[in-house]
Protein backbone atom coordinates (compact mmCIF):
# COMPACT_ATOMS: atom_id res chain seq x y z
CA MET A 1 -136.72 -32.72 147.48
CA GLY A 2 -137.66 -29.64 145.50
CA TYR A 3 -134.26 -28.08 146.03
CA LEU A 4 -132.63 -31.22 144.65
CA TYR A 5 -134.62 -30.70 141.45
CA ILE A 6 -133.32 -27.14 141.20
CA PHE A 7 -129.76 -28.31 141.92
CA GLY A 8 -130.15 -31.02 139.28
CA THR A 9 -131.27 -28.43 136.75
CA ILE A 10 -128.23 -26.28 137.49
CA LEU A 11 -125.82 -29.23 137.50
CA PHE A 12 -127.04 -30.68 134.19
CA THR A 13 -127.13 -27.26 132.55
CA VAL A 14 -123.59 -26.39 133.59
CA TYR A 15 -122.29 -29.82 132.57
CA GLY A 16 -123.79 -29.35 129.11
CA GLN A 17 -122.21 -25.93 128.65
CA ILE A 18 -118.76 -27.09 129.74
CA ILE A 19 -118.85 -30.20 127.56
CA ILE A 20 -120.02 -28.28 124.48
CA LYS A 21 -117.22 -25.74 124.92
CA TRP A 22 -114.66 -28.52 125.36
CA GLN A 23 -115.75 -30.44 122.29
CA VAL A 24 -116.16 -27.38 120.07
CA SER A 25 -112.67 -26.28 121.07
CA ASN A 26 -111.30 -29.72 120.19
CA ALA A 27 -113.09 -29.77 116.84
CA GLY A 28 -110.97 -27.02 115.35
CA ALA A 29 -111.89 -23.97 113.33
CA PHE A 30 -115.38 -23.37 111.99
CA GLN A 31 -115.11 -23.59 108.21
CA GLY A 32 -115.90 -20.59 106.01
CA ASP A 33 -117.99 -22.28 103.34
CA ALA A 34 -121.49 -23.72 103.84
CA ALA A 35 -120.43 -27.33 103.24
CA GLY A 36 -117.57 -27.01 105.72
CA LYS A 37 -119.90 -25.56 108.34
CA MET A 38 -122.41 -28.35 107.87
CA TRP A 39 -119.68 -31.04 108.10
CA PHE A 40 -118.28 -29.38 111.24
CA LEU A 41 -121.72 -29.31 112.91
CA LEU A 42 -122.61 -32.86 111.84
CA ARG A 43 -119.34 -34.21 113.26
CA LEU A 44 -120.13 -32.49 116.54
CA ALA A 45 -123.73 -33.72 116.51
CA VAL A 46 -122.60 -37.38 116.50
CA ASN A 47 -119.80 -36.85 119.02
CA PRO A 48 -120.60 -38.97 122.14
CA TRP A 49 -119.61 -36.13 124.47
CA VAL A 50 -121.91 -33.70 122.67
CA ILE A 51 -124.69 -36.28 122.78
CA SER A 52 -124.11 -36.58 126.54
CA SER A 53 -124.52 -32.82 126.86
CA LEU A 54 -127.79 -33.00 124.94
CA CYS A 55 -128.96 -35.78 127.24
CA CYS A 56 -128.08 -33.58 130.20
CA ALA A 57 -130.08 -30.75 128.69
CA PHE A 58 -133.05 -33.11 128.61
CA LEU A 59 -132.39 -34.17 132.21
CA ALA A 60 -132.20 -30.50 133.20
CA PHE A 61 -135.56 -30.00 131.54
CA LEU A 62 -137.05 -32.91 133.50
CA CYS A 63 -135.59 -31.61 136.77
CA TRP A 64 -136.97 -28.16 136.06
CA MET A 65 -140.45 -29.53 135.41
CA ALA A 66 -140.25 -31.42 138.70
CA ALA A 67 -139.06 -28.25 140.48
CA MET A 68 -142.05 -26.39 139.07
CA THR A 69 -144.34 -28.82 140.89
CA LYS A 70 -142.76 -27.73 144.19
CA PHE A 71 -142.10 -23.99 143.81
CA ASP A 72 -143.44 -20.87 142.21
CA LEU A 73 -141.44 -19.88 139.15
CA SER A 74 -140.66 -16.49 140.65
CA TYR A 75 -139.10 -18.24 143.66
CA ALA A 76 -137.21 -21.00 141.83
CA TYR A 77 -135.82 -19.11 138.86
CA PRO A 78 -133.37 -16.90 140.79
CA PHE A 79 -131.52 -20.06 141.83
CA MET A 80 -130.60 -20.54 138.17
CA SER A 81 -128.24 -17.58 138.48
CA PHE A 82 -125.86 -19.95 140.25
CA SER A 83 -125.20 -21.51 136.85
CA PHE A 84 -123.40 -18.27 135.89
CA VAL A 85 -121.10 -18.64 138.88
CA PHE A 86 -120.34 -22.29 138.17
CA VAL A 87 -119.69 -21.69 134.46
CA LEU A 88 -117.38 -18.78 135.29
CA VAL A 89 -115.36 -20.86 137.76
CA LEU A 90 -115.27 -24.03 135.68
CA SER A 91 -114.37 -22.23 132.46
CA SER A 92 -111.45 -20.70 134.32
CA LEU A 93 -110.33 -24.08 135.67
CA PHE A 94 -110.80 -26.17 132.54
CA PHE A 95 -110.22 -23.69 129.72
CA HIS A 96 -107.95 -21.20 131.47
CA GLU A 97 -110.34 -18.38 130.62
CA PRO A 98 -109.51 -15.23 132.56
CA VAL A 99 -111.62 -14.32 135.56
CA THR A 100 -111.57 -10.56 135.49
CA ALA A 101 -113.01 -8.13 137.99
CA ALA A 102 -115.52 -7.10 135.33
CA LYS A 103 -116.73 -10.69 134.89
CA VAL A 104 -117.03 -11.22 138.64
CA LEU A 105 -118.86 -7.93 139.05
CA GLY A 106 -121.13 -8.80 136.12
CA VAL A 107 -122.08 -12.15 137.64
CA ILE A 108 -122.74 -10.45 140.98
CA PHE A 109 -124.99 -7.91 139.26
CA ILE A 110 -126.85 -10.64 137.39
CA MET A 111 -127.45 -12.61 140.58
CA ALA A 112 -128.44 -9.50 142.53
CA GLY A 113 -130.78 -8.35 139.79
CA ILE A 114 -132.50 -11.71 139.57
CA ILE A 115 -132.87 -11.96 143.33
CA ILE A 116 -134.18 -8.40 143.65
CA GLY A 117 -136.55 -8.91 140.72
CA ALA A 118 -137.91 -12.11 142.23
CA ARG A 119 -138.92 -10.43 145.49
């Protein structure tokens, strides 16, 4: 069951990141003046999709607390590096962001570094 908590944390975290990117992209340009910036952020804050991403952030938090009852932090935290992989793949699929060799190598280095550091 502990691994399901870790997977839930990753799933909810990645969902939140993808939804925020989607909705921010749909909202248009960030205004230059202070009032425009505040209006832009307030519109996003009441957007149902953005609210769903905030709810998922809370669910990720709950899953992570549950995972911490099952595993040592130094064991569980390296699994979070999978979120980098999922965000890279999903941002390519949904937003047509380029997947370059440098990005892939960077994600590999991040995952390797976290795994090595956790040992």
